[in-house]
């Protein structure tokens, strides 16, 4: 699913994810993802590092405890505020 949204803008990524959610209702689905937004609504999230399971839980559980997932989620949220700015000193 990550690859399906790799080059989508946030609005279209959201629409794609909603369509997938509808298709996955009442099914067991294993999602391997790089984007945290892809797994946020999963019943269980498994966090791996160097091939080892380091955390497991829901999004709420994992963001409420110190660990790799919360660290990555905080960094992800910071990127949502990034904006490209036009350079004004004439070097653009």
Protein backbone atom coordinates (compact mmCIF):
# COMPACT_ATOMS: atom_id res chain seq x y z
CA UNK A 1 0.00 0.00 0.00
CA UNK A 2 2.92 2.34 0.63
CA UNK A 3 4.02 2.12 -2.97
CA UNK A 4 0.51 2.98 -4.15
CA UNK A 5 0.73 6.29 -2.30
CA UNK A 6 4.47 6.98 -2.66
CA UNK A 7 4.05 9.92 -5.01
CA UNK A 8 0.57 11.03 -4.02
CA UNK A 9 -0.05 14.39 -2.42
CA UNK A 10 -1.55 14.21 1.09
CA UNK A 11 -5.13 14.71 -0.13
CA UNK A 12 -4.97 11.90 -2.70
CA UNK A 13 -3.03 9.67 -0.29
CA UNK A 14 -5.94 10.05 2.14
CA UNK A 15 -8.46 9.09 -0.56
CA UNK A 16 -6.42 6.03 -1.55
CA UNK A 17 -6.11 4.92 2.07
CA UNK A 18 -9.87 5.32 2.62
CA UNK A 19 -10.54 3.12 -0.43
CA UNK A 20 -8.15 0.46 0.90
CA UNK A 21 -9.79 0.61 4.35
CA UNK A 22 -13.15 -0.12 2.75
CA UNK A 23 -11.71 -3.09 0.83
CA UNK A 24 -10.03 -4.47 3.98
CA UNK A 25 -13.10 -4.39 6.23
CA UNK A 26 -13.70 -7.68 8.07
CA UNK A 27 -10.49 -9.18 6.67
CA UNK A 28 -7.11 -10.03 8.14
CA UNK A 29 -4.53 -7.98 6.27
CA UNK A 30 -0.79 -7.74 6.81
CA UNK A 31 0.61 -4.39 5.72
CA UNK A 32 4.32 -3.73 5.42
CA UNK A 33 4.75 0.02 5.32
CA UNK A 34 7.25 2.82 5.57
CA UNK A 35 4.67 5.56 6.03
CA UNK A 36 3.25 5.72 9.53
CA UNK A 37 0.01 7.18 8.22
CA UNK A 38 -0.54 3.87 6.42
CA UNK A 39 -0.65 1.83 9.64
CA UNK A 40 -2.14 4.34 12.05
CA UNK A 41 -5.59 2.72 12.09
CA UNK A 42 -4.33 -0.88 12.27
CA UNK A 43 -5.57 -3.09 15.10
CA UNK A 44 -1.96 -4.07 15.86
CA UNK A 45 1.28 -2.42 14.79
CA UNK A 46 4.54 -4.35 14.95
CA UNK A 47 7.70 -2.23 14.98
CA UNK A 48 10.88 -3.91 13.80
CA UNK A 49 14.46 -2.68 13.90
CA UNK A 50 17.41 -4.58 12.44
CA UNK A 51 15.11 -7.58 11.89
CA UNK A 52 13.98 -7.73 15.52
CA UNK A 53 10.56 -6.97 16.97
CA UNK A 54 11.04 -4.01 19.32
CA UNK A 55 7.47 -2.82 19.95
CA UNK A 56 3.91 -3.95 19.41
CA UNK A 57 0.53 -2.36 20.09
CA UNK A 58 -2.06 0.03 18.75
CA UNK A 59 -1.16 3.50 17.55
CA UNK A 60 -2.50 4.98 20.81
CA UNK A 61 -0.51 2.53 22.92
CA UNK A 62 2.71 3.05 20.99
CA UNK A 63 2.50 6.85 21.00
CA UNK A 64 1.84 6.90 24.75
CA UNK A 65 5.06 5.09 25.61
CA UNK A 66 8.69 5.96 25.00
CA UNK A 67 10.13 4.08 22.05
CA UNK A 68 11.00 4.03 18.38
CA UNK A 69 7.39 4.31 17.16
CA UNK A 70 6.64 7.43 19.19
CA UNK A 71 9.95 8.96 18.08
CA UNK A 72 9.13 8.28 14.42
CA UNK A 73 5.55 9.55 14.85
CA UNK A 74 6.80 12.83 16.35
CA UNK A 75 9.25 13.30 13.46
CA UNK A 76 6.50 12.48 10.95
CA UNK A 77 4.21 15.11 12.50
CA UNK A 78 6.98 17.71 12.27
CA UNK A 79 7.27 17.09 8.52
CA UNK A 80 3.57 17.89 8.05
CA UNK A 81 4.40 21.52 8.81
CA UNK A 82 7.22 21.78 6.30
CA UNK A 83 6.60 24.23 3.49
CA UNK A 84 8.63 25.22 0.46
CA UNK A 85 9.39 28.90 0.42
CA UNK A 86 10.35 31.10 -2.45
CA UNK A 87 13.84 32.49 -2.04
CA UNK A 88 13.71 36.29 -1.94
CA UNK A 89 17.37 37.30 -2.31
CA UNK A 90 17.43 36.70 -6.05
CA UNK A 91 19.46 33.48 -5.98
CA UNK A 92 16.49 31.20 -6.66
